[in-house]
N, C-alpha and C. Protein backbone atom coordinates (compact mmCIF):
# COMPACT_ATOMS: atom_id res chain seq x y z
N UNK A 1 -45.26 -57.51 42.46
CA UNK A 1 -43.81 -58.25 42.73
C UNK A 1 -42.89 -57.81 41.69
N UNK A 2 -43.68 -57.91 40.07
CA UNK A 2 -42.42 -57.78 39.73
C UNK A 2 -41.83 -56.21 39.16
N UNK A 3 -42.20 -55.31 39.96
CA UNK A 3 -42.05 -53.98 39.63
C UNK A 3 -41.30 -53.54 41.10
N UNK A 4 -41.76 -54.40 42.70
CA UNK A 4 -40.41 -53.85 43.47
C UNK A 4 -39.36 -55.18 42.98
N UNK A 5 -39.13 -56.60 42.42
CA UNK A 5 -38.14 -56.80 41.81
C UNK A 5 -37.45 -56.32 41.20
N UNK A 6 -37.26 -55.49 40.44
CA UNK A 6 -36.86 -54.24 38.62
C UNK A 6 -36.06 -53.52 40.00
N UNK A 7 -37.19 -52.86 41.02
CA UNK A 7 -36.20 -51.47 41.42
C UNK A 7 -35.43 -51.87 42.60
N UNK A 8 -35.52 -53.24 43.07
CA UNK A 8 -34.36 -53.99 44.08
C UNK A 8 -33.14 -54.14 43.50
N UNK A 9 -32.99 -54.82 42.03
CA UNK A 9 -32.35 -55.23 41.95
C UNK A 9 -31.63 -53.52 40.63
N UNK A 10 -32.03 -52.54 40.36
CA UNK A 10 -31.49 -52.13 39.85
C UNK A 10 -30.67 -51.23 41.02
N UNK A 11 -31.73 -50.80 41.86
CA UNK A 11 -30.48 -50.85 42.82
C UNK A 11 -29.40 -51.21 43.58
N UNK A 12 -29.50 -52.69 43.37
CA UNK A 12 -28.26 -53.59 43.36
C UNK A 12 -27.28 -53.25 42.51
N UNK A 13 -27.70 -52.63 41.54
CA UNK A 13 -26.80 -53.05 39.75
C UNK A 13 -25.97 -51.90 39.84
N UNK A 14 -26.66 -50.26 40.37
CA UNK A 14 -25.81 -49.28 39.70
C UNK A 14 -25.12 -49.44 40.47
N UNK A 15 -24.69 -49.27 42.04
CA UNK A 15 -23.59 -49.69 42.26
C UNK A 15 -22.54 -50.30 41.91
N UNK A 16 -22.81 -51.19 41.57
CA UNK A 16 -21.79 -52.37 41.81
C UNK A 16 -21.33 -51.93 40.16
N UNK A 17 -21.87 -51.85 38.81
CA UNK A 17 -21.64 -51.32 38.13
C UNK A 17 -20.40 -50.27 38.22
N UNK A 18 -20.90 -49.61 38.95
CA UNK A 18 -19.49 -48.36 38.81
C UNK A 18 -18.43 -48.22 39.32
N UNK A 19 -18.26 -49.87 40.36
CA UNK A 19 -17.64 -49.76 40.72
C UNK A 19 -17.19 -51.19 40.04
N UNK A 20 -17.28 -51.20 38.45
CA UNK A 20 -17.06 -52.05 37.89
C UNK A 20 -15.54 -51.19 36.90
N UNK A 21 -16.65 -49.63 36.34
CA UNK A 21 -16.17 -49.57 35.57
C UNK A 21 -15.47 -48.55 36.73
N UNK A 22 -14.69 -48.03 37.57
CA UNK A 22 -13.65 -47.50 38.26
C UNK A 22 -12.77 -48.69 38.30
N UNK A 23 -12.62 -49.95 38.42
CA UNK A 23 -11.93 -50.75 38.13
C UNK A 23 -11.16 -51.04 36.73
N UNK A 24 -12.04 -50.75 35.82
CA UNK A 24 -11.49 -51.05 34.53
C UNK A 24 -10.75 -49.39 34.27
N UNK A 25 -10.64 -48.59 34.91
CA UNK A 25 -10.35 -47.21 34.92
C UNK A 25 -8.64 -47.81 35.35
N UNK A 26 -8.55 -48.24 36.51
CA UNK A 26 -7.72 -48.22 37.03
C UNK A 26 -6.61 -49.29 36.46
N UNK A 27 -7.34 -50.58 35.42
CA UNK A 27 -6.89 -51.01 34.97
C UNK A 27 -5.90 -50.90 33.86
N UNK A 28 -6.71 -49.81 33.13
CA UNK A 28 -5.77 -49.29 32.34
C UNK A 28 -4.85 -49.11 32.37
N UNK A 29 -5.03 -47.77 33.52
CA UNK A 29 -3.41 -47.33 34.04
C UNK A 29 -2.52 -48.38 33.77
N UNK A 30 -2.85 -49.17 34.86
CA UNK A 30 -2.00 -50.48 35.29
C UNK A 30 -1.04 -51.35 34.29
N UNK A 31 -1.88 -50.94 33.21
CA UNK A 31 -1.72 -51.54 31.98
C UNK A 31 -0.99 -50.48 31.01
N UNK A 32 -0.52 -49.69 31.43
CA UNK A 32 -0.37 -48.36 30.85
C UNK A 32 -0.65 -47.80 29.84
N UNK A 33 -1.65 -47.50 29.61
CA UNK A 33 -2.00 -46.97 28.23
C UNK A 33 -2.10 -45.96 28.14
N UNK A 34 -2.57 -45.37 29.26
CA UNK A 34 -2.59 -43.78 29.49
C UNK A 34 -1.17 -43.69 29.76
N UNK A 35 -0.04 -43.97 30.39
CA UNK A 35 0.87 -43.62 30.41
C UNK A 35 1.84 -43.85 29.25
N UNK A 36 1.60 -44.90 28.04
CA UNK A 36 2.23 -44.48 26.78
C UNK A 36 1.64 -43.39 26.10
N UNK A 37 0.17 -43.20 26.52
CA UNK A 37 -0.09 -41.65 26.03
C UNK A 37 1.01 -40.38 26.23
N UNK A 38 0.80 -40.15 27.52
CA UNK A 38 2.33 -39.88 27.58
C UNK A 38 3.36 -39.07 27.74
N UNK A 39 3.80 -40.56 27.01
CA UNK A 39 5.38 -40.28 26.61
C UNK A 39 5.14 -39.96 25.38
N UNK A 40 4.23 -40.27 24.55
CA UNK A 40 4.06 -39.66 23.21
C UNK A 40 4.80 -38.47 23.01
N UNK A 41 4.03 -38.14 24.76
CA UNK A 41 3.66 -36.32 23.93
C UNK A 41 4.76 -35.36 24.08
N UNK A 42 5.30 -34.83 22.79
CA UNK A 42 7.04 -34.06 22.79
C UNK A 42 7.45 -33.17 23.65
N UNK A 43 8.10 -33.31 24.10
CA UNK A 43 8.82 -31.78 24.80
C UNK A 43 8.94 -30.77 24.51
N UNK A 44 8.02 -29.32 25.25
CA UNK A 44 8.33 -28.74 24.66
C UNK A 44 9.05 -27.51 24.80
N UNK A 45 9.67 -28.13 25.39
CA UNK A 45 11.50 -27.63 26.32
C UNK A 45 12.89 -27.46 25.14
N UNK A 46 12.41 -28.77 24.34
CA UNK A 46 13.34 -29.28 23.64
C UNK A 46 13.27 -28.97 22.35
N UNK A 47 14.14 -27.82 21.83
CA UNK A 47 13.90 -27.42 19.95
C UNK A 47 14.24 -28.91 19.87
N UNK A 48 13.50 -28.86 18.31
CA UNK A 48 13.19 -30.08 17.54
C UNK A 48 14.45 -30.25 16.62
N UNK A 49 15.17 -29.35 16.48
CA UNK A 49 16.76 -29.71 16.04
C UNK A 49 18.22 -29.04 16.82
N UNK A 50 18.81 -28.97 17.56
CA UNK A 50 20.20 -28.91 17.67
C UNK A 50 20.30 -27.19 17.42
N UNK A 51 21.16 -26.73 18.46
CA UNK A 51 21.73 -25.58 17.48
C UNK A 51 22.67 -25.13 16.91
N UNK A 52 23.31 -26.67 16.81
CA UNK A 52 24.17 -27.30 16.02
C UNK A 52 24.13 -27.94 15.06
N UNK A 53 22.59 -28.37 14.40
CA UNK A 53 22.50 -28.65 13.65
C UNK A 53 20.96 -27.25 12.57
N UNK A 54 21.13 -26.50 13.40
CA UNK A 54 20.40 -25.14 13.29
C UNK A 54 21.11 -24.58 12.33
N UNK A 55 22.49 -24.01 12.87
CA UNK A 55 23.08 -23.60 12.80
C UNK A 55 23.57 -23.55 11.38
N UNK A 56 24.34 -24.98 10.73
CA UNK A 56 24.53 -26.06 9.85
C UNK A 56 23.44 -26.08 8.27
N UNK A 57 22.23 -26.02 9.03
CA UNK A 57 21.37 -25.73 8.26
C UNK A 57 20.74 -24.52 7.47
N UNK A 58 21.16 -23.51 8.32
CA UNK A 58 20.54 -22.59 7.64
C UNK A 58 21.69 -21.64 7.18
N UNK A 59 22.96 -21.79 7.29
CA UNK A 59 24.40 -21.78 6.71
C UNK A 59 24.11 -23.00 5.29
N UNK A 60 24.14 -23.54 4.84
CA UNK A 60 23.89 -24.33 3.84
C UNK A 60 23.15 -23.70 3.01
N UNK A 61 22.08 -23.86 3.65
CA UNK A 61 20.77 -23.30 2.79
C UNK A 61 19.49 -21.86 3.35
N UNK A 62 20.13 -21.30 3.20
CA UNK A 62 19.02 -20.15 4.07
C UNK A 62 17.36 -20.56 4.11
N UNK A 63 17.41 -20.31 5.44
CA UNK A 63 15.98 -20.41 5.84
C UNK A 63 15.06 -21.56 6.26
N UNK A 64 16.20 -23.08 6.30
CA UNK A 64 15.64 -24.30 6.41
C UNK A 64 15.95 -24.32 7.60
N UNK A 65 17.02 -23.78 8.60
CA UNK A 65 17.12 -24.11 10.02
C UNK A 65 15.89 -24.02 10.24
N UNK A 66 15.75 -21.69 10.45
CA UNK A 66 14.40 -21.18 10.93
C UNK A 66 13.05 -21.99 10.48
N UNK A 67 13.09 -23.03 8.78
CA UNK A 67 11.70 -23.88 9.14
C UNK A 67 11.29 -25.16 10.31
N UNK A 68 12.95 -25.62 10.03
CA UNK A 68 12.45 -26.55 11.74
C UNK A 68 12.23 -25.84 12.70
N UNK A 69 12.93 -25.05 13.39
CA UNK A 69 12.41 -24.04 14.53
C UNK A 69 11.05 -23.97 14.13
N UNK A 70 10.16 -24.07 13.34
CA UNK A 70 8.53 -23.25 13.29
C UNK A 70 8.88 -21.91 13.68
N UNK A 71 9.53 -21.06 12.26
CA UNK A 71 9.40 -19.97 12.33
C UNK A 71 9.59 -20.18 10.25
N UNK A 72 8.12 -19.74 10.55
CA UNK A 72 7.85 -19.40 9.33
C UNK A 72 8.28 -18.10 8.15
N UNK A 73 8.24 -17.08 9.28
CA UNK A 73 8.15 -16.06 8.54
C UNK A 73 9.63 -15.10 8.31
N UNK A 74 10.19 -15.92 9.39
CA UNK A 74 12.43 -15.85 9.43
C UNK A 74 12.10 -16.63 8.07
N UNK A 75 11.41 -17.96 7.77
CA UNK A 75 12.72 -19.35 7.32
C UNK A 75 11.85 -18.03 5.51
N UNK A 76 11.20 -17.35 4.87
CA UNK A 76 10.64 -17.00 4.24
C UNK A 76 11.47 -15.67 3.87
N UNK A 77 11.66 -14.62 4.60
CA UNK A 77 12.42 -13.46 4.28
C UNK A 77 14.30 -14.33 3.86
N UNK A 78 14.67 -15.12 4.63
CA UNK A 78 15.76 -15.37 3.95
C UNK A 78 15.82 -16.14 2.78
N UNK A 79 15.08 -16.96 2.73
CA UNK A 79 14.39 -17.52 1.46
C UNK A 79 14.68 -16.50 0.08
N UNK A 80 13.76 -15.78 0.19
CA UNK A 80 13.45 -14.68 -0.48
C UNK A 80 14.28 -13.75 -0.42
N UNK A 81 15.41 -13.60 0.63
CA UNK A 81 16.61 -12.47 -0.49
C UNK A 81 17.56 -13.41 -0.60
N UNK A 82 17.38 -15.22 0.07
CA UNK A 82 18.00 -15.75 -1.09
C UNK A 82 18.35 -15.84 -3.12
N UNK A 83 17.36 -15.25 -3.00
CA UNK A 83 16.64 -16.00 -4.25
C UNK A 83 16.32 -14.78 -5.09
N UNK A 84 16.60 -13.74 -4.22
CA UNK A 84 17.08 -12.23 -5.19
C UNK A 84 18.43 -12.57 -5.09
N UNK A 85 19.05 -12.56 -4.65
CA UNK A 85 20.39 -12.06 -4.33
C UNK A 85 20.99 -12.86 -5.54
N UNK A 86 20.89 -14.44 -5.42
CA UNK A 86 21.41 -15.03 -6.86
C UNK A 86 21.04 -14.62 -7.74
N UNK A 87 19.52 -14.52 -8.27
CA UNK A 87 19.26 -13.97 -9.63
C UNK A 87 20.11 -12.35 -9.77
N UNK A 88 20.25 -11.74 -9.01
CA UNK A 88 20.57 -10.00 -8.99
C UNK A 88 22.83 -10.76 -9.39
N UNK A 89 22.76 -11.44 -8.52
CA UNK A 89 24.39 -12.03 -8.98
C UNK A 89 24.57 -13.41 -10.23
N UNK A 90 23.78 -14.02 -10.21
CA UNK A 90 23.39 -13.82 -12.30
C UNK A 90 23.67 -13.17 -13.30
N UNK A 91 22.86 -12.65 -13.15
CA UNK A 91 21.99 -11.48 -14.10
C UNK A 91 23.95 -9.90 -13.97
N UNK A 92 24.34 -10.15 -13.28
CA UNK A 92 25.78 -9.02 -12.66
C UNK A 92 26.86 -9.61 -12.84
N UNK A 93 26.48 -11.03 -13.07
CA UNK A 93 27.67 -11.73 -13.62
C UNK A 93 27.71 -11.88 -15.19
N UNK A 94 27.03 -12.23 -15.42
CA UNK A 94 25.93 -12.09 -17.34
C UNK A 94 27.05 -10.65 -18.39
N UNK A 95 26.67 -9.37 -17.00
CA UNK A 95 27.10 -8.59 -17.49
C UNK A 95 28.55 -8.30 -17.78
N UNK A 96 28.98 -8.43 -16.59
CA UNK A 96 30.81 -8.68 -16.29
C UNK A 96 31.73 -9.54 -18.03
N UNK A 97 31.04 -10.30 -17.60
CA UNK A 97 30.95 -11.48 -18.96
C UNK A 97 30.99 -10.72 -20.24
N UNK A 98 30.34 -10.04 -20.19
CA UNK A 98 29.70 -9.14 -21.52
C UNK A 98 30.11 -8.05 -21.43
N UNK A 99 30.42 -7.16 -20.74
CA UNK A 99 31.63 -6.55 -20.40
C UNK A 99 33.01 -6.05 -20.59
N UNK A 100 33.46 -7.56 -20.27
CA UNK A 100 35.34 -8.40 -20.66
C UNK A 100 35.02 -9.20 -22.00
N UNK A 101 34.03 -9.10 -22.64
CA UNK A 101 34.94 -10.29 -23.88
C UNK A 101 34.60 -8.89 -24.91
N UNK A 102 34.24 -7.32 -25.03
CA UNK A 102 33.59 -6.66 -25.86
C UNK A 102 34.40 -5.09 -25.43
N UNK A 103 35.45 -4.83 -24.73
CA UNK A 103 36.20 -4.15 -24.65
C UNK A 103 36.85 -2.62 -26.11
N UNK A 104 37.63 -4.10 -26.74
CA UNK A 104 37.94 -3.64 -27.42
C UNK A 104 37.05 -3.66 -29.10
N UNK A 105 36.53 -4.01 -29.18
CA UNK A 105 35.19 -4.05 -30.31
C UNK A 105 34.67 -2.73 -30.73
N UNK A 106 34.08 -2.55 -31.79
CA UNK A 106 33.68 -1.37 -31.48
C UNK A 106 31.99 -1.79 -32.29
N UNK A 107 31.30 -0.61 -32.09
CA UNK A 107 29.37 -0.74 -32.53
C UNK A 107 29.34 0.24 -33.99
N UNK A 108 28.85 -0.30 -34.24
CA UNK A 108 27.64 0.34 -35.52
C UNK A 108 26.64 1.59 -35.02
N UNK A 109 27.57 2.76 -35.56
CA UNK A 109 27.07 3.83 -35.29
C UNK A 109 26.29 4.63 -36.32
N UNK A 110 26.14 4.25 -37.64
CA UNK A 110 25.18 4.83 -38.72
C UNK A 110 24.79 3.64 -39.44
N UNK A 111 24.11 3.64 -40.18
CA UNK A 111 24.07 2.90 -41.26
C UNK A 111 23.72 2.84 -42.68
N UNK A 112 24.33 2.65 -43.82
CA UNK A 112 23.96 3.49 -45.04
C UNK A 112 22.83 3.39 -44.82
N UNK A 113 22.41 4.63 -45.84
CA UNK A 113 20.59 4.83 -46.26
C UNK A 113 20.69 5.25 -48.37
N UNK A 114 19.66 4.51 -48.60
CA UNK A 114 19.49 5.11 -49.77
C UNK A 114 19.40 6.79 -50.10
N UNK A 115 20.18 7.28 -50.75
CA UNK A 115 19.59 8.68 -51.15
C UNK A 115 18.44 9.14 -51.62
N UNK A 116 18.06 8.48 -52.05
CA UNK A 116 16.74 9.34 -52.91
C UNK A 116 15.45 8.75 -52.28
N UNK A 117 15.60 7.43 -51.43
CA UNK A 117 14.12 6.71 -50.60
C UNK A 117 14.63 7.28 -49.76
N UNK A 118 16.23 7.45 -48.77
CA UNK A 118 15.76 7.31 -47.38
C UNK A 118 16.03 5.82 -46.67
N UNK A 119 15.97 5.09 -47.02
CA UNK A 119 15.48 4.26 -46.47
C UNK A 119 16.86 3.45 -46.23
N UNK A 120 17.13 2.85 -45.45
CA UNK A 120 18.18 2.35 -45.28
C UNK A 120 18.61 0.85 -46.08
N UNK A 121 19.95 0.76 -46.01
CA UNK A 121 20.20 -0.07 -47.49
C UNK A 121 20.02 -1.77 -47.13
N UNK A 122 20.39 -2.57 -47.41
CA UNK A 122 20.45 -4.22 -47.06
C UNK A 122 21.47 -4.53 -47.86
N UNK A 123 22.07 -5.51 -46.50
CA UNK A 123 22.82 -6.70 -47.46
C UNK A 123 22.44 -7.71 -48.70
N UNK A 124 22.53 -7.50 -49.76
CA UNK A 124 21.72 -8.12 -50.60
C UNK A 124 22.43 -9.47 -50.20
N UNK A 125 23.31 -10.42 -49.95
CA UNK A 125 23.12 -12.30 -49.30
C UNK A 125 22.88 -12.14 -47.90
N UNK A 126 22.74 -11.14 -46.53
CA UNK A 126 22.88 -11.19 -45.42
C UNK A 126 20.97 -11.29 -45.42
N UNK A 127 20.48 -9.76 -46.00
CA UNK A 127 19.18 -9.10 -45.90
C UNK A 127 19.58 -8.00 -44.22
N UNK A 128 20.72 -7.96 -44.37
CA UNK A 128 20.79 -7.26 -42.75
C UNK A 128 21.30 -5.76 -43.10
N UNK A 129 21.28 -5.07 -42.22
CA UNK A 129 21.38 -3.46 -42.94
C UNK A 129 22.94 -2.77 -42.76
N UNK A 130 23.12 -2.36 -43.89
CA UNK A 130 24.65 -1.95 -44.42
C UNK A 130 25.68 -0.89 -43.27
N UNK A 131 26.37 -1.43 -42.23
CA UNK A 131 27.54 -0.64 -41.18
C UNK A 131 27.83 0.76 -42.25
N UNK A 132 27.54 1.73 -41.75
CA UNK A 132 28.40 3.15 -42.37
C UNK A 132 29.32 3.84 -41.47
N UNK A 133 29.02 3.87 -40.56
CA UNK A 133 30.32 4.19 -39.28
C UNK A 133 30.04 3.81 -38.02
N UNK A 134 31.45 3.45 -37.38
CA UNK A 134 31.54 2.52 -36.34
C UNK A 134 32.02 3.98 -35.07
N UNK A 135 31.52 3.15 -34.31
CA UNK A 135 32.61 3.66 -32.65
C UNK A 135 32.84 2.75 -31.96
N UNK A 136 33.84 3.33 -31.28
CA UNK A 136 33.94 2.55 -29.75
C UNK A 136 33.64 2.19 -29.01
N UNK A 137 33.67 1.20 -28.16
CA UNK A 137 32.67 0.50 -28.11
C UNK A 137 32.51 1.13 -26.15
N UNK A 138 31.99 1.12 -26.03
CA UNK A 138 31.43 1.69 -24.43
C UNK A 138 31.75 1.44 -23.12
N UNK A 139 32.19 -0.24 -23.54
CA UNK A 139 33.07 -0.58 -22.68
C UNK A 139 34.45 -0.73 -22.43
N UNK A 140 35.03 0.76 -21.76
CA UNK A 140 36.44 0.66 -20.85
C UNK A 140 36.63 0.04 -19.85
N UNK A 141 37.60 0.50 -19.59
CA UNK A 141 38.81 -0.35 -18.63
C UNK A 141 37.58 -0.04 -17.19
N UNK A 142 36.99 1.56 -16.67
CA UNK A 142 36.62 1.44 -15.56
C UNK A 142 34.95 1.57 -15.53
N UNK A 143 34.27 1.34 -16.54
CA UNK A 143 33.29 0.38 -16.75
C UNK A 143 33.34 -1.45 -16.48
N UNK A 144 34.15 -1.90 -17.45
CA UNK A 144 33.97 -3.19 -16.82
C UNK A 144 34.33 -2.90 -15.44
N UNK A 145 35.21 -2.70 -14.78
CA UNK A 145 35.77 -2.38 -13.17
C UNK A 145 35.17 -2.44 -12.24
N UNK A 146 33.67 -1.57 -12.94
CA UNK A 146 32.52 -0.87 -11.76
C UNK A 146 31.85 -2.35 -12.32
N UNK A 147 31.49 -3.11 -13.49
CA UNK A 147 30.26 -4.00 -13.49
C UNK A 147 30.93 -5.24 -12.57
N UNK A 148 32.54 -5.44 -12.16
CA UNK A 148 32.94 -6.46 -11.42
C UNK A 148 32.58 -5.91 -10.02
N UNK A 149 32.77 -4.59 -9.60
CA UNK A 149 31.77 -4.26 -8.28
C UNK A 149 30.99 -5.15 -7.79
N UNK A 150 30.07 -4.56 -8.84
CA UNK A 150 28.55 -4.75 -8.77
C UNK A 150 28.31 -6.30 -8.64
N UNK A 151 28.79 -7.12 -9.44
CA UNK A 151 29.30 -8.57 -9.70
C UNK A 151 29.65 -8.95 -7.93
N UNK A 152 30.67 -8.21 -7.14
CA UNK A 152 31.01 -8.74 -5.78
C UNK A 152 29.81 -8.94 -4.86
N UNK A 153 29.29 -7.30 -4.71
CA UNK A 153 28.35 -6.41 -3.95
C UNK A 153 27.28 -7.79 -3.87
N UNK A 154 27.18 -8.66 -5.29
CA UNK A 154 26.13 -9.58 -4.73
C UNK A 154 26.19 -10.87 -4.42
N UNK A 155 27.23 -11.24 -4.40
CA UNK A 155 28.03 -12.15 -3.80
C UNK A 155 28.10 -11.97 -2.38
N UNK A 156 29.06 -10.90 -1.79
CA UNK A 156 28.75 -10.46 -0.75
C UNK A 156 27.26 -10.81 0.11
N UNK A 157 26.27 -10.11 -0.92
CA UNK A 157 25.28 -9.88 0.07
C UNK A 157 24.39 -11.80 -0.38
N UNK A 158 24.77 -12.56 -0.78
CA UNK A 158 24.94 -13.71 -0.21
C UNK A 158 25.31 -14.43 0.36
N UNK A 159 26.51 -13.66 1.09
CA UNK A 159 27.32 -14.61 1.99
C UNK A 159 26.92 -14.56 3.79
N UNK A 160 26.29 -12.57 2.88
CA UNK A 160 26.23 -12.50 4.49
C UNK A 160 24.65 -12.86 4.87
N UNK A 161 23.64 -13.04 3.91
CA UNK A 161 22.55 -13.88 4.16
C UNK A 161 22.79 -15.18 4.72
N UNK A 162 23.47 -15.61 3.97
CA UNK A 162 23.79 -17.49 4.62
C UNK A 162 24.40 -17.28 5.85
N UNK A 163 25.17 -16.13 6.45
CA UNK A 163 25.64 -16.04 7.47
C UNK A 163 24.92 -15.68 8.85
N UNK A 164 23.84 -14.85 8.62
CA UNK A 164 22.66 -14.35 9.40
C UNK A 164 21.84 -15.36 9.64
N UNK A 165 21.55 -15.99 8.11
CA UNK A 165 20.96 -16.77 8.71
C UNK A 165 21.11 -17.68 9.42
N UNK A 166 22.36 -18.98 9.38
CA UNK A 166 22.71 -19.64 10.42
C UNK A 166 22.62 -18.76 11.95
N UNK A 167 23.19 -17.49 12.39
CA UNK A 167 23.16 -16.74 13.73
C UNK A 167 21.80 -17.03 14.16
N UNK A 168 20.91 -16.77 13.05
CA UNK A 168 19.50 -16.47 13.84
C UNK A 168 18.77 -18.00 13.64
N UNK A 169 19.53 -18.90 12.64
CA UNK A 169 18.67 -19.94 13.70
C UNK A 169 19.71 -21.19 15.04
N UNK A 170 20.65 -20.51 15.26
CA UNK A 170 21.59 -21.02 16.76
C UNK A 170 20.87 -19.88 17.34
N UNK A 171 20.82 -18.91 17.61
CA UNK A 171 20.21 -18.45 19.10
C UNK A 171 18.95 -18.68 19.01
N UNK A 172 17.67 -18.69 17.62
CA UNK A 172 16.75 -19.54 17.98
C UNK A 172 16.79 -20.76 18.55
N UNK A 173 17.38 -21.87 18.21
CA UNK A 173 17.75 -22.95 18.86
C UNK A 173 17.90 -23.04 20.35
N UNK A 174 18.66 -21.94 20.97
CA UNK A 174 19.36 -21.64 21.68
C UNK A 174 18.02 -21.50 22.90
N UNK A 175 17.04 -20.26 22.65
CA UNK A 175 16.43 -20.00 23.49
C UNK A 175 15.13 -20.65 23.04
N UNK A 176 14.65 -21.20 22.31
CA UNK A 176 13.58 -22.12 22.25
C UNK A 176 12.73 -22.31 23.23
N UNK A 177 12.99 -22.81 24.37
CA UNK A 177 13.00 -23.01 25.82
C UNK A 177 12.78 -21.44 27.16
N UNK A 178 12.97 -20.21 25.93
CA UNK A 178 12.71 -18.96 27.07
C UNK A 178 11.38 -18.74 27.44
N UNK A 179 10.20 -18.84 27.19
CA UNK A 179 8.92 -18.43 27.43
C UNK A 179 8.80 -19.74 28.51
N UNK A 180 9.42 -20.31 28.25
CA UNK A 180 9.26 -21.75 30.00
C UNK A 180 10.38 -21.04 31.07
N UNK A 181 11.70 -20.97 30.97
CA UNK A 181 11.82 -20.24 31.70
C UNK A 181 12.35 -19.03 32.12
N UNK A 182 10.94 -18.24 32.21
CA UNK A 182 10.68 -16.62 32.75
C UNK A 182 9.92 -17.51 33.89
N UNK A 183 10.42 -16.50 34.29
CA UNK A 183 9.98 -16.52 35.87
C UNK A 183 9.05 -15.43 36.28
N UNK A 184 8.24 -14.53 36.78
CA UNK A 184 8.18 -13.67 37.12
C UNK A 184 6.85 -14.13 38.49
N UNK A 185 6.80 -12.82 39.27
CA UNK A 185 6.39 -13.18 40.52
C UNK A 185 6.88 -11.48 40.37
N UNK A 186 5.67 -10.79 41.58
CA UNK A 186 4.79 -9.53 42.10
C UNK A 186 6.38 -8.74 41.81
N UNK A 187 7.63 -9.25 42.47
CA UNK A 187 7.93 -8.37 43.28
C UNK A 187 9.34 -8.22 41.92
N UNK A 188 9.96 -9.21 41.68
CA UNK A 188 10.71 -9.61 40.67
C UNK A 188 10.76 -10.33 39.49
N UNK A 189 11.37 -10.32 38.79
CA UNK A 189 11.67 -11.83 37.48
C UNK A 189 13.02 -11.41 37.50
N UNK A 190 12.68 -13.18 36.60
CA UNK A 190 14.34 -13.97 36.48
C UNK A 190 14.22 -14.24 35.21
N UNK A 191 15.05 -14.15 34.63
CA UNK A 191 15.14 -14.76 33.14
C UNK A 191 16.84 -15.46 33.25
N UNK A 192 16.19 -16.93 33.36
CA UNK A 192 17.62 -17.82 32.47
C UNK A 192 17.58 -18.28 31.51
N UNK A 193 18.62 -18.75 30.93
CA UNK A 193 18.64 -19.44 29.52
C UNK A 193 20.17 -19.96 29.33
N UNK A 194 20.41 -21.37 29.31
CA UNK A 194 21.41 -21.72 29.07
C UNK A 194 21.71 -22.02 27.01
N UNK A 195 22.85 -22.02 26.55
CA UNK A 195 23.38 -21.74 25.14
C UNK A 195 24.37 -23.30 25.30
N UNK A 196 23.93 -24.14 24.59
CA UNK A 196 24.91 -25.30 23.81
C UNK A 196 25.08 -25.57 22.98
N UNK A 197 26.44 -25.74 22.06
CA UNK A 197 26.54 -26.04 21.15
C UNK A 197 26.59 -27.65 20.89
């Protein structure tokens, strides 16, 4: 009797429990739990930043706009060029200042030596070698001009790096949804793109 009652109860309860579970799934949709999850999914066709902001970000700091657009290789390239150009511009600027500061100075050519030992004679007060002959500085007007050109070249490299990084970020933001807008069929291929400033 007990086994028969158990089988009947199980046969009655299983379909009703399935109905209760389906009702709970319907209720959760009705409550908006699933809908809220779908609303939180980001739109993959919209760039993380606008093209204008991408342009200005990379114009100020090359590579930053590319980083915001999830393009780490391009960001690293522009950042590396920026750091290298800054270092070289600083070095060339220092060389230019040095060349400008000593164009009329003379440079020690030889030092006095002791005729018996052949050693360089030292000044008793400063303990530095005593100069014997001088030659004119090698930094004449032509060399100063060459140093200035080198310095200006690195400043131009910095300027163009900022400009190219900004243009690259602007185009990347505009083409963010390029793959989503390409519709390919067996007979033809259609490409659509929109640019907004």
